[in-house]
Amino acid sequence: MAIGPRWWRCRRAWAPVALAIVVSACGDGNSTPSSPNTPSPPTPPPVVPVTAVLVGAGDVALCGSPGAYATAKLLDGIPGTVTAVGDLAYMSGTEQEFYKCYDPFWGRHKTRTRPLPGNHEYATDQGGPYYAYFGDAAGAPGAGYYSYRAGNWLVVALNSNIPLRAGTQQYEWARAELRNETGKCVAVYVHHPRFSSGPHGACAEVRDVWALLNEYGVEFMVSGHDHIYERFSPQDASGRLDLDRGVRQFVVGTGGHDPYAFGHILSNSEARYAGWGVLKLTLGPDSYTWDFVPVTGGAFADSGTTACH
């Protein structure tokens, strides 16, 4: 369920200060003009657009690998909400792996992290250590899906390790969240990608929910699972280009585990990189900007801005 009410602020328009002078000029000459020393009403402060920053990746911490250390250093210099999109503590998401492999690095950003579980977390007690480590930030134990506000945006976090097809409890919850949303811009996070040119490839389990996102004009989905960075054009659930209402897929499994090689390149794949880094998303009132930040500066760049549907 979305948290936090939405507050609206209204301002009274000021009447033009020259009105009294104009009236006296058009009257019978007996009216007294306003004094030139009459103070003008105060000017309302400018409206500052509400923006929010999301930054993160998936597939993060493998003990003995320097990857999580390197990407955590990137997070140190980027403010905003940290989106940790699953497979956070290899190999099995045990309590020891969370505290030994994840906590010394990405764990220092725990208080600003919005996590998702991956399939490796579910290798131990259906994600029990994951839910214990993140507490309330992970959503209800065993469910792991939730929503929150980031600026003017609704952000929906889904759990692809439990049933997500049409008619399931999670799917119907997501439908209600989208149906009740009155804002313009919505983002979705889920560990398994609908589209990927990595070795794991496209995930059929999220096809139904992708069609739901397409129906409601969701802007993008961020996933991990494949240890690559890939950005797609907006598409429908079948992978057809849809610039009017299509959803953009970001695959960001670049948090610290060993990168994968690309396989068959899917249609509408626009940018690809096999290396460590984080994705920074700046959410404006009616648009978003993406910027992939690699660990090795200058090795790769991908950025752009798109208006919300």
C-alpha atoms as a PDB file:
ATOM      1  CA  MET A   1       0.000   0.000   0.000  1.00  0.00           C
ATOM      2  CA  ALA A   2       1.304   3.488  -0.813  1.00  0.00           C
ATOM      3  CA  ILE A   3       2.484   5.380   2.213  1.00  0.00           C
ATOM      4  CA  GLY A   4       2.039   8.980   3.096  1.00  0.00           C
ATOM      5  CA  PRO A   5      -0.718  11.379   2.007  1.00  0.00           C
ATOM      6  CA  ARG A   6      -0.295  13.817  -0.811  1.00  0.00           C
ATOM      7  CA  TRP A   7      -0.440  17.479   0.146  1.00  0.00           C
ATOM      8  CA  TRP A   8      -1.444  20.225  -2.233  1.00  0.00           C
ATOM      9  CA  ARG A   9      -0.623  23.873  -1.764  1.00  0.00           C
ATOM     10  CA  CYS A  10      -2.780  26.648  -3.204  1.00  0.00           C
ATOM     11  CA  ARG A  11      -1.922  30.309  -3.574  1.00  0.00           C
ATOM     12  CA  ARG A  12      -4.199  33.332  -3.937  1.00  0.00           C
ATOM     13  CA  ALA A  13      -3.573  35.382  -7.081  1.00  0.00           C
ATOM     14  CA  TRP A  14      -2.797  39.064  -6.369  1.00  0.00           C
ATOM     15  CA  ALA A  15      -4.884  41.790  -8.033  1.00  0.00           C
ATOM     16  CA  PRO A  16      -2.939  44.253 -10.234  1.00  0.00           C
ATOM     17  CA  VAL A  17      -1.810  47.206  -8.128  1.00  0.00           C
ATOM     18  CA  ALA A  18      -2.599  49.737 -10.880  1.00  0.00           C
ATOM     19  CA  LEU A  19      -6.340  49.061 -10.668  1.00  0.00           C
ATOM     20  CA  ALA A  20      -7.180  52.078  -8.435  1.00  0.00           C
ATOM     21  CA  ILE A  21      -5.315  54.480 -10.738  1.00  0.00           C
ATOM     22  CA  VAL A  22      -7.113  53.233 -13.818  1.00  0.00           C
ATOM     23  CA  VAL A  23     -10.529  53.604 -12.163  1.00  0.00           C
ATOM     24  CA  SER A  24      -9.875  57.201 -11.065  1.00  0.00           C
ATOM     25  CA  ALA A  25      -8.702  58.151 -14.537  1.00  0.00           C
ATOM     26  CA  CYS A  26     -11.987  56.907 -16.001  1.00  0.00           C
ATOM     27  CA  GLY A  27     -14.245  58.490 -13.277  1.00  0.00           C
ATOM     28  CA  ASP A  28     -15.535  62.004 -12.596  1.00  0.00           C
ATOM     29  CA  GLY A  29     -12.211  63.396 -11.424  1.00  0.00           C
ATOM     30  CA  ASN A  30     -13.194  63.465  -7.716  1.00  0.00           C
ATOM     31  CA  SER A  31     -11.474  60.201  -6.808  1.00  0.00           C
ATOM     32  CA  THR A  32      -8.109  60.390  -5.117  1.00  0.00           C
ATOM     33  CA  PRO A  33      -5.376  58.373  -6.856  1.00  0.00           C
ATOM     34  CA  SER A  34      -3.380  55.843  -4.903  1.00  0.00           C
ATOM     35  CA  SER A  35      -0.217  57.199  -3.351  1.00  0.00           C
ATOM     36  CA  PRO A  36       2.902  56.264  -5.294  1.00  0.00           C
ATOM     37  CA  ASN A  37       4.350  55.154  -1.951  1.00  0.00           C
ATOM     38  CA  THR A  38       1.679  52.497  -1.370  1.00  0.00           C
ATOM     39  CA  PRO A  39       3.584  49.209  -0.919  1.00  0.00           C
ATOM     40  CA  SER A  40       2.947  46.442  -3.441  1.00  0.00           C
ATOM     41  CA  PRO A  41       1.751  43.082  -2.205  1.00  0.00           C
ATOM     42  CA  PRO A  42       4.597  40.616  -1.561  1.00  0.00           C
ATOM     43  CA  THR A  43       5.537  38.425  -4.519  1.00  0.00           C
ATOM     44  CA  PRO A  44       4.757  34.748  -3.894  1.00  0.00           C
ATOM     45  CA  PRO A  45       7.880  32.561  -3.840  1.00  0.00           C
ATOM     46  CA  PRO A  46       8.527  30.632  -7.047  1.00  0.00           C
ATOM     47  CA  VAL A  47       7.186  27.112  -7.243  1.00  0.00           C
ATOM     48  CA  VAL A  48      10.128  24.713  -7.014  1.00  0.00           C
ATOM     49  CA  PRO A  49       9.552  21.453  -8.946  1.00  0.00           C
ATOM     50  CA  VAL A  50       9.618  18.390  -6.700  1.00  0.00           C
ATOM     51  CA  THR A  51      12.326  15.943  -7.705  1.00  0.00           C
ATOM     52  CA  ALA A  52      13.623  12.714  -6.200  1.00  0.00           C
ATOM     53  CA  VAL A  53      16.663  10.557  -6.871  1.00  0.00           C
ATOM     54  CA  LEU A  54      16.737   6.761  -6.961  1.00  0.00           C
ATOM     55  CA  VAL A  55      20.125   5.070  -7.300  1.00  0.00           C
ATOM     56  CA  GLY A  56      21.095   1.424  -7.166  1.00  0.00           C
ATOM     57  CA  ALA A  57      21.549  -1.952  -8.815  1.00  0.00           C
ATOM     58  CA  GLY A  58      21.059  -5.629  -8.141  1.00  0.00           C
ATOM     59  CA  ASP A  59      23.335  -8.674  -7.847  1.00  0.00           C
ATOM     60  CA  VAL A  60      25.598  -7.027  -5.319  1.00  0.00           C
ATOM     61  CA  ALA A  61      27.710  -8.749  -2.705  1.00  0.00           C
ATOM     62  CA  LEU A  62      29.866 -11.822  -3.249  1.00  0.00           C
ATOM     63  CA  CYS A  63      32.329 -12.378  -0.432  1.00  0.00           C
ATOM     64  CA  GLY A  64      35.875 -12.038  -1.697  1.00  0.00           C
ATOM     65  CA  SER A  65      34.914  -9.947  -4.731  1.00  0.00           C
ATOM     66  CA  PRO A  66      35.806  -6.219  -4.771  1.00  0.00           C
ATOM     67  CA  GLY A  67      32.642  -5.350  -6.710  1.00  0.00           C
ATOM     68  CA  ALA A  68      30.383  -4.453  -3.775  1.00  0.00           C
ATOM     69  CA  TYR A  69      33.127  -2.269  -2.303  1.00  0.00           C
ATOM     70  CA  ALA A  70      33.506  -0.394  -5.603  1.00  0.00           C
ATOM     71  CA  THR A  71      29.791   0.223  -6.185  1.00  0.00           C
ATOM     72  CA  ALA A  72      29.234   1.210  -2.544  1.00  0.00           C
ATOM     73  CA  LYS A  73      31.847   3.925  -3.057  1.00  0.00           C
ATOM     74  CA  LEU A  74      29.695   5.257  -5.913  1.00  0.00           C
ATOM     75  CA  LEU A  75      26.661   5.335  -3.625  1.00  0.00           C
ATOM     76  CA  ASP A  76      28.660   7.345  -1.082  1.00  0.00           C
ATOM     77  CA  GLY A  77      28.674  10.283  -3.507  1.00  0.00           C
ATOM     78  CA  ILE A  78      25.093  10.081  -4.775  1.00  0.00           C
ATOM     79  CA  PRO A  79      22.200  11.216  -2.546  1.00  0.00           C
ATOM     80  CA  GLY A  80      18.724   9.748  -2.721  1.00  0.00           C
ATOM     81  CA  THR A  81      16.953   6.456  -2.145  1.00  0.00           C
ATOM     82  CA  VAL A  82      19.078   3.349  -2.709  1.00  0.00           C
ATOM     83  CA  THR A  83      17.221   0.730  -4.754  1.00  0.00           C
ATOM     84  CA  ALA A  84      18.720  -2.714  -4.124  1.00  0.00           C
ATOM     85  CA  VAL A  85      16.971  -4.954  -6.652  1.00  0.00           C
ATOM     86  CA  GLY A  86      17.711  -8.464  -5.460  1.00  0.00           C
ATOM     87  CA  ASP A  87      20.475 -11.066  -5.203  1.00  0.00           C
ATOM     88  CA  LEU A  88      22.133  -8.884  -2.611  1.00  0.00           C
ATOM     89  CA  ALA A  89      24.126 -11.474  -0.586  1.00  0.00           C
ATOM     90  CA  TYR A  90      25.624 -14.431  -2.416  1.00  0.00           C
ATOM     91  CA  MET A  91      25.411 -17.315  -2.635  1.00  0.00           C
ATOM     92  CA  SER A  92      22.307 -18.101  -0.602  1.00  0.00           C
ATOM     93  CA  GLY A  93      21.245 -14.974   1.274  1.00  0.00           C
ATOM     94  CA  THR A  94      22.208 -16.399   4.655  1.00  0.00           C
ATOM     95  CA  GLU A  95      22.447 -14.274   7.778  1.00  0.00           C
ATOM     96  CA  GLN A  96      26.243 -14.658   7.721  1.00  0.00           C
ATOM     97  CA  GLU A  97      26.428 -13.565   4.075  1.00  0.00           C
ATOM     98  CA  PHE A  98      24.327 -10.474   4.730  1.00  0.00           C
ATOM     99  CA  TYR A  99      26.477  -9.362   7.647  1.00  0.00           C
ATOM    100  CA  LYS A 100      29.843 -10.401   6.210  1.00  0.00           C
ATOM    101  CA  CYS A 101      29.467  -9.670   2.479  1.00  0.00           C
ATOM    102  CA  TYR A 102      26.725  -7.009   2.159  1.00  0.00           C
ATOM    103  CA  ASP A 103      26.647  -5.060   5.409  1.00  0.00           C
ATOM    104  CA  PRO A 104      30.227  -3.632   5.344  1.00  0.00           C
ATOM    105  CA  PHE A 105      29.577  -2.076   1.929  1.00  0.00           C
ATOM    106  CA  TRP A 106      26.018  -1.379   0.790  1.00  0.00           C
ATOM    107  CA  GLY A 107      24.928  -1.872   4.381  1.00  0.00           C
ATOM    108  CA  ARG A 108      26.215   1.566   5.318  1.00  0.00           C
ATOM    109  CA  HIS A 109      23.334   2.936   3.208  1.00  0.00           C
ATOM    110  CA  LYS A 110      20.764   0.688   4.865  1.00  0.00           C
ATOM    111  CA  THR A 111      18.705   3.510   6.370  1.00  0.00           C
ATOM    112  CA  ARG A 112      17.970   4.923   2.898  1.00  0.00           C
ATOM    113  CA  THR A 113      17.583   1.580   1.088  1.00  0.00           C
ATOM    114  CA  ARG A 114      14.398   0.224  -0.465  1.00  0.00           C
ATOM    115  CA  PRO A 115      15.225  -3.429  -1.208  1.00  0.00           C
ATOM    116  CA  LEU A 116      13.828  -6.288  -3.232  1.00  0.00           C
ATOM    117  CA  PRO A 117      14.584  -9.994  -2.785  1.00  0.00           C
ATOM    118  CA  GLY A 118      16.184 -12.031  -5.540  1.00  0.00           C
ATOM    119  CA  ASN A 119      16.209 -15.750  -6.164  1.00  0.00           C
ATOM    120  CA  HIS A 120      19.441 -16.137  -4.138  1.00  0.00           C
ATOM    121  CA  GLU A 121      17.752 -14.629  -1.065  1.00  0.00           C
ATOM    122  CA  TYR A 122      14.990 -17.192  -1.424  1.00  0.00           C
ATOM    123  CA  ALA A 123      17.534 -20.021  -1.319  1.00  0.00           C
ATOM    124  CA  THR A 124      17.525 -19.729   2.492  1.00  0.00           C
ATOM    125  CA  ASP A 125      14.282 -20.098   4.421  1.00  0.00           C
ATOM    126  CA  GLN A 126      12.224 -18.389   1.705  1.00  0.00           C
ATOM    127  CA  GLY A 127      14.125 -15.177   2.259  1.00  0.00           C
ATOM    128  CA  GLY A 128      14.021 -15.283   6.069  1.00  0.00           C
ATOM    129  CA  PRO A 129      17.473 -13.693   6.658  1.00  0.00           C
ATOM    130  CA  TYR A 130      16.701 -11.033   4.033  1.00  0.00           C
ATOM    131  CA  TYR A 131      13.471  -9.993   5.767  1.00  0.00           C
ATOM    132  CA  ALA A 132      15.199 -10.028   9.157  1.00  0.00           C
ATOM    133  CA  TYR A 133      18.097  -7.882   7.924  1.00  0.00           C
ATOM    134  CA  PHE A 134      15.998  -5.143   6.267  1.00  0.00           C
ATOM    135  CA  GLY A 135      13.033  -5.236   8.645  1.00  0.00           C
ATOM    136  CA  ASP A 136      10.050  -3.046   7.789  1.00  0.00           C
ATOM    137  CA  ALA A 137      11.801  -1.640   4.698  1.00  0.00           C
ATOM    138  CA  ALA A 138      11.430  -5.039   2.997  1.00  0.00           C
ATOM    139  CA  GLY A 139       7.651  -5.149   3.240  1.00  0.00           C
ATOM    140  CA  ALA A 140       5.668  -7.913   4.923  1.00  0.00           C
ATOM    141  CA  PRO A 141       7.793 -11.055   5.492  1.00  0.00           C
ATOM    142  CA  GLY A 142       7.027 -13.644   2.852  1.00  0.00           C
ATOM    143  CA  ALA A 143       5.295 -11.099   0.623  1.00  0.00           C
ATOM    144  CA  GLY A 144       8.021  -8.534  -0.019  1.00  0.00           C
ATOM    145  CA  TYR A 145       6.018  -6.235  -2.287  1.00  0.00           C
ATOM    146  CA  TYR A 146       5.120  -2.667  -1.336  1.00  0.00           C
ATOM    147  CA  SER A 147       4.914   0.864  -2.697  1.00  0.00           C
ATOM    148  CA  TYR A 148       6.178   4.282  -1.649  1.00  0.00           C
ATOM    149  CA  ARG A 149       6.383   7.908  -2.776  1.00  0.00           C
ATOM    150  CA  ALA A 150       9.459   9.455  -4.357  1.00  0.00           C
ATOM    151  CA  GLY A 151       8.732  13.108  -5.098  1.00  0.00           C
ATOM    152  CA  ASN A 152       5.580  13.163  -7.234  1.00  0.00           C
ATOM    153  CA  TRP A 153       6.098   9.563  -8.309  1.00  0.00           C
ATOM    154  CA  LEU A 154       4.558   6.313  -7.151  1.00  0.00           C
ATOM    155  CA  VAL A 155       7.210   3.582  -6.935  1.00  0.00           C
ATOM    156  CA  VAL A 156       5.956  -0.014  -6.870  1.00  0.00           C
ATOM    157  CA  ALA A 157       8.296  -2.800  -5.711  1.00  0.00           C
ATOM    158  CA  LEU A 158       7.257  -6.315  -6.789  1.00  0.00           C
ATOM    159  CA  ASN A 159       8.525  -9.735  -5.709  1.00  0.00           C
ATOM    160  CA  SER A 160       9.132 -12.057  -8.662  1.00  0.00           C
ATOM    161  CA  ASN A 161      10.057 -14.967  -6.366  1.00  0.00           C
ATOM    162  CA  ILE A 162       6.402 -15.535  -5.488  1.00  0.00           C
ATOM    163  CA  PRO A 163       3.423 -15.842  -7.867  1.00  0.00           C
ATOM    164  CA  LEU A 164       2.990 -12.731 -10.008  1.00  0.00           C
ATOM    165  CA  ARG A 165       0.811 -13.863 -12.900  1.00  0.00           C
ATOM    166  CA  ALA A 166      -2.671 -12.510 -13.561  1.00  0.00           C
ATOM    167  CA  GLY A 167      -5.145 -13.409 -10.830  1.00  0.00           C
ATOM    168  CA  THR A 168      -2.588 -13.875  -8.052  1.00  0.00           C
ATOM    169  CA  GLN A 169      -2.791 -11.879  -4.851  1.00  0.00           C
ATOM    170  CA  GLN A 170       0.285  -9.811  -5.740  1.00  0.00           C
ATOM    171  CA  TYR A 171      -0.979  -9.072  -9.248  1.00  0.00           C
ATOM    172  CA  GLU A 172      -4.350  -7.892  -7.944  1.00  0.00           C
ATOM    173  CA  TRP A 173      -2.613  -5.730  -5.340  1.00  0.00           C
ATOM    174  CA  ALA A 174      -0.515  -4.128  -8.091  1.00  0.00           C
ATOM    175  CA  ARG A 175      -3.648  -3.544 -10.175  1.00  0.00           C
ATOM    176  CA  ALA A 176      -5.323  -1.762  -7.259  1.00  0.00           C
ATOM    177  CA  GLU A 177      -2.240   0.402  -6.668  1.00  0.00           C
ATOM    178  CA  LEU A 178      -2.194   1.503 -10.303  1.00  0.00           C
ATOM    179  CA  ARG A 179      -5.955   1.978 -10.556  1.00  0.00           C
ATOM    180  CA  ASN A 180      -6.019   4.210  -7.480  1.00  0.00           C
ATOM    181  CA  GLU A 181      -3.018   6.304  -8.514  1.00  0.00           C
ATOM    182  CA  THR A 182      -3.966   9.814  -9.630  1.00  0.00           C
ATOM    183  CA  GLY A 183      -0.448  11.040 -10.379  1.00  0.00           C
ATOM    184  CA  LYS A 184       1.161  11.108 -13.796  1.00  0.00           C
ATOM    185  CA  CYS A 185       4.382   9.109 -13.286  1.00  0.00           C
ATOM    186  CA  VAL A 186       4.874   5.570 -11.952  1.00  0.00           C
ATOM    187  CA  ALA A 187       7.999   3.383 -11.716  1.00  0.00           C
ATOM    188  CA  VAL A 188       8.243  -0.362 -10.991  1.00  0.00           C
ATOM    189  CA  TYR A 189      11.071  -2.501  -9.595  1.00  0.00           C
ATOM    190  CA  VAL A 190      11.235  -6.302  -9.804  1.00  0.00           C
ATOM    191  CA  HIS A 191      14.248  -8.623  -9.702  1.00  0.00           C
ATOM    192  CA  HIS A 192      13.563 -10.713 -12.812  1.00  0.00           C
ATOM    193  CA  PRO A 193      13.456  -8.674 -16.055  1.00  0.00           C
ATOM    194  CA  ARG A 194      10.777  -9.041 -18.688  1.00  0.00           C
ATOM    195  CA  PHE A 195      13.441  -8.400 -21.358  1.00  0.00           C
ATOM    196  CA  SER A 196      17.189  -9.045 -21.257  1.00  0.00           C
ATOM    197  CA  SER A 197      19.955  -9.878 -23.718  1.00  0.00           C
ATOM    198  CA  GLY A 198      21.952 -11.570 -20.959  1.00  0.00           C
ATOM    199  CA  PRO A 199      22.261 -15.352 -20.523  1.00  0.00           C
ATOM    200  CA  HIS A 200      19.129 -15.643 -18.350  1.00  0.00           C
ATOM    201  CA  GLY A 201      17.080 -13.865 -21.015  1.00  0.00           C
ATOM    202  CA  ALA A 202      13.470 -12.731 -20.847  1.00  0.00           C
ATOM    203  CA  CYS A 203      11.347 -13.801 -17.879  1.00  0.00           C
ATOM    204  CA  ALA A 204       7.886 -15.076 -18.794  1.00  0.00           C
ATOM    205  CA  GLU A 205       6.735 -14.870 -15.163  1.00  0.00           C
ATOM    206  CA  VAL A 206       6.470 -11.079 -15.384  1.00  0.00           C
ATOM    207  CA  ARG A 207       4.718 -10.972 -18.776  1.00  0.00           C
ATOM    208  CA  ASP A 208       1.249 -10.543 -17.267  1.00  0.00           C
ATOM    209  CA  VAL A 209       2.306  -7.771 -14.942  1.00  0.00           C
ATOM    210  CA  TRP A 210       4.145  -6.033 -17.802  1.00  0.00           C
ATOM    211  CA  ALA A 211       0.876  -5.964 -19.752  1.00  0.00           C
ATOM    212  CA  LEU A 212      -0.764  -4.443 -16.672  1.00  0.00           C
ATOM    213  CA  LEU A 213       1.934  -1.766 -16.467  1.00  0.00           C
ATOM    214  CA  ASN A 214       1.496  -1.105 -20.178  1.00  0.00           C
ATOM    215  CA  GLU A 215      -2.248  -0.657 -19.670  1.00  0.00           C
ATOM    216  CA  TYR A 216      -1.729   1.980 -16.985  1.00  0.00           C
ATOM    217  CA  GLY A 217       1.123   3.799 -18.729  1.00  0.00           C
ATOM    218  CA  VAL A 218       3.903   2.988 -16.246  1.00  0.00           C
ATOM    219  CA  GLU A 219       7.174   4.640 -17.284  1.00  0.00           C
ATOM    220  CA  PHE A 220       9.823   2.015 -16.604  1.00  0.00           C
ATOM    221  CA  MET A 221      10.780  -1.234 -14.897  1.00  0.00           C
ATOM    222  CA  VAL A 222      14.181  -1.720 -13.222  1.00  0.00           C
ATOM    223  CA  SER A 223      15.460  -5.279 -12.734  1.00  0.00           C
ATOM    224  CA  GLY A 224      18.621  -7.249 -12.024  1.00  0.00           C
ATOM    225  CA  HIS A 225      19.226 -11.019 -12.332  1.00  0.00           C
ATOM    226  CA  ASP A 226      21.458 -10.830 -15.435  1.00  0.00           C
ATOM    227  CA  HIS A 227      24.804  -9.292 -14.452  1.00  0.00           C
ATOM    228  CA  ILE A 228      24.723  -6.637 -17.160  1.00  0.00           C
ATOM    229  CA  TYR A 229      23.457  -3.144 -17.809  1.00  0.00           C
ATOM    230  CA  GLU A 230      20.934  -2.860 -20.614  1.00  0.00           C
ATOM    231  CA  ARG A 231      18.383  -0.236 -21.590  1.00  0.00           C
ATOM    232  CA  PHE A 232      15.460  -0.876 -23.920  1.00  0.00           C
ATOM    233  CA  SER A 233      13.093   1.373 -25.817  1.00  0.00           C
ATOM    234  CA  PRO A 234       9.515   1.489 -24.459  1.00  0.00           C
ATOM    235  CA  GLN A 235       7.769  -1.786 -25.366  1.00  0.00           C
ATOM    236  CA  ASP A 236       4.588  -3.750 -24.891  1.00  0.00           C
ATOM    237  CA  ALA A 237       4.513  -7.158 -23.181  1.00  0.00           C
ATOM    238  CA  SER A 238       5.413  -8.932 -26.443  1.00  0.00           C
ATOM    239  CA  GLY A 239       8.485  -6.806 -27.083  1.00  0.00           C
ATOM    240  CA  ARG A 240       6.968  -4.567 -29.734  1.00  0.00           C
ATOM    241  CA  LEU A 241       8.010  -0.931 -29.807  1.00  0.00           C
ATOM    242  CA  ASP A 242       5.336   1.248 -28.171  1.00  0.00           C
ATOM    243  CA  LEU A 243       6.288   4.895 -27.845  1.00  0.00           C
ATOM    244  CA  ASP A 244       2.799   5.951 -26.706  1.00  0.00           C
ATOM    245  CA  ARG A 245       2.267   3.748 -23.635  1.00  0.00           C
ATOM    246  CA  GLY A 246       5.184   1.305 -23.645  1.00  0.00           C
ATOM    247  CA  VAL A 247       7.281   0.499 -20.576  1.00  0.00           C
ATOM    248  CA  ARG A 248      11.061   0.954 -20.656  1.00  0.00           C
ATOM    249  CA  GLN A 249      13.169  -1.913 -19.261  1.00  0.00           C
ATOM    250  CA  PHE A 250      16.404  -1.229 -17.382  1.00  0.00           C
ATOM    251  CA  VAL A 251      18.465  -4.316 -16.482  1.00  0.00           C
ATOM    252  CA  VAL A 252      20.967  -3.319 -13.790  1.00  0.00           C
ATOM    253  CA  GLY A 253      22.556  -6.470 -12.380  1.00  0.00           C
ATOM    254  CA  THR A 254      25.808  -4.554 -12.003  1.00  0.00           C
ATOM    255  CA  GLY A 255      26.064  -4.163  -8.237  1.00  0.00           C
ATOM    256  CA  GLY A 256      29.204  -6.231  -7.664  1.00  0.00           C
ATOM    257  CA  HIS A 257      29.001  -9.859  -8.755  1.00  0.00           C
ATOM    258  CA  ASP A 258      31.080 -10.944 -11.747  1.00  0.00           C
ATOM    259  CA  PRO A 259      29.656  -9.456 -14.985  1.00  0.00           C
ATOM    260  CA  TYR A 260      28.098 -11.685 -17.642  1.00  0.00           C
ATOM    261  CA  ALA A 261      28.718 -11.732 -21.380  1.00  0.00           C
ATOM    262  CA  PHE A 262      25.850 -10.755 -23.665  1.00  0.00           C
ATOM    263  CA  GLY A 263      24.032 -13.393 -25.634  1.00  0.00           C
ATOM    264  CA  HIS A 264      21.473 -12.848 -28.381  1.00  0.00           C
ATOM    265  CA  ILE A 265      20.684  -9.128 -28.564  1.00  0.00           C
ATOM    266  CA  LEU A 266      16.944  -8.578 -28.364  1.00  0.00           C
ATOM    267  CA  SER A 267      14.980  -6.135 -30.462  1.00  0.00           C
ATOM    268  CA  ASN A 268      14.740  -2.572 -29.137  1.00  0.00           C
ATOM    269  CA  SER A 269      17.885  -2.916 -27.008  1.00  0.00           C
ATOM    270  CA  GLU A 270      19.396   0.579 -27.028  1.00  0.00           C
ATOM    271  CA  ALA A 271      22.422   0.464 -24.695  1.00  0.00           C
ATOM    272  CA  ARG A 272      24.533  -2.333 -23.201  1.00  0.00           C
ATOM    273  CA  TYR A 273      27.481  -2.650 -20.849  1.00  0.00           C
ATOM    274  CA  ALA A 274      29.126  -5.583 -19.039  1.00  0.00           C
ATOM    275  CA  GLY A 275      30.738  -4.108 -15.917  1.00  0.00           C
ATOM    276  CA  TRP A 276      30.065  -2.769 -12.442  1.00  0.00           C
ATOM    277  CA  GLY A 277      28.102   0.396 -11.814  1.00  0.00           C
ATOM    278  CA  VAL A 278      24.856   1.908 -10.541  1.00  0.00           C
ATOM    279  CA  LEU A 279      21.861   3.490 -12.244  1.00  0.00           C
ATOM    280  CA  LYS A 280      20.861   6.966 -11.090  1.00  0.00           C
ATOM    281  CA  LEU A 281      17.289   8.018 -11.877  1.00  0.00           C
ATOM    282  CA  THR A 282      16.185  11.598 -11.281  1.00  0.00           C
ATOM    283  CA  LEU A 283      12.399  11.771 -11.067  1.00  0.00           C
ATOM    284  CA  GLY A 284      10.944  15.143 -12.002  1.00  0.00           C
ATOM    285  CA  PRO A 285       7.324  16.343 -11.813  1.00  0.00           C
ATOM    286  CA  ASP A 286       6.513  15.004 -15.292  1.00  0.00           C
ATOM    287  CA  SER A 287       9.715  13.409 -16.621  1.00  0.00           C
ATOM    288  CA  TYR A 288      12.712  11.321 -15.623  1.00  0.00           C
ATOM    289  CA  THR A 289      16.427  11.347 -16.380  1.00  0.00           C
ATOM    290  CA  TRP A 290      18.623   8.256 -16.316  1.00  0.00           C
ATOM    291  CA  ASP A 291      22.392   8.141 -15.891  1.00  0.00           C
ATOM    292  CA  PHE A 292      24.375   4.914 -15.622  1.00  0.00           C
ATOM    293  CA  VAL A 293      27.465   5.526 -13.477  1.00  0.00           C
ATOM    294  CA  PRO A 294      30.206   2.916 -14.091  1.00  0.00           C
ATOM    295  CA  VAL A 295      32.894   2.078 -11.546  1.00  0.00           C
ATOM    296  CA  THR A 296      35.530   2.709 -14.189  1.00  0.00           C
ATOM    297  CA  GLY A 297      34.968   6.342 -15.121  1.00  0.00           C
ATOM    298  CA  GLY A 298      34.822   6.986 -18.849  1.00  0.00           C
ATOM    299  CA  ALA A 299      34.509   3.319 -19.716  1.00  0.00           C
ATOM    300  CA  PHE A 300      30.850   3.677 -20.670  1.00  0.00           C
ATOM    301  CA  ALA A 301      28.147   6.329 -20.553  1.00  0.00           C
ATOM    302  CA  ASP A 302      24.401   6.153 -20.986  1.00  0.00           C
ATOM    303  CA  SER A 303      22.066   8.979 -20.060  1.00  0.00           C
ATOM    304  CA  GLY A 304      18.890  10.622 -21.295  1.00  0.00           C
ATOM    305  CA  THR A 305      15.589  12.238 -20.387  1.00  0.00           C
ATOM    306  CA  THR A 306      12.032  11.196 -21.218  1.00  0.00           C
ATOM    307  CA  ALA A 307       8.668  12.780 -20.458  1.00  0.00           C
ATOM    308  CA  CYS A 308       6.067  10.754 -18.602  1.00  0.00           C
ATOM    309  CA  HIS A 309       3.166   9.347 -20.625  1.00  0.00           C
END
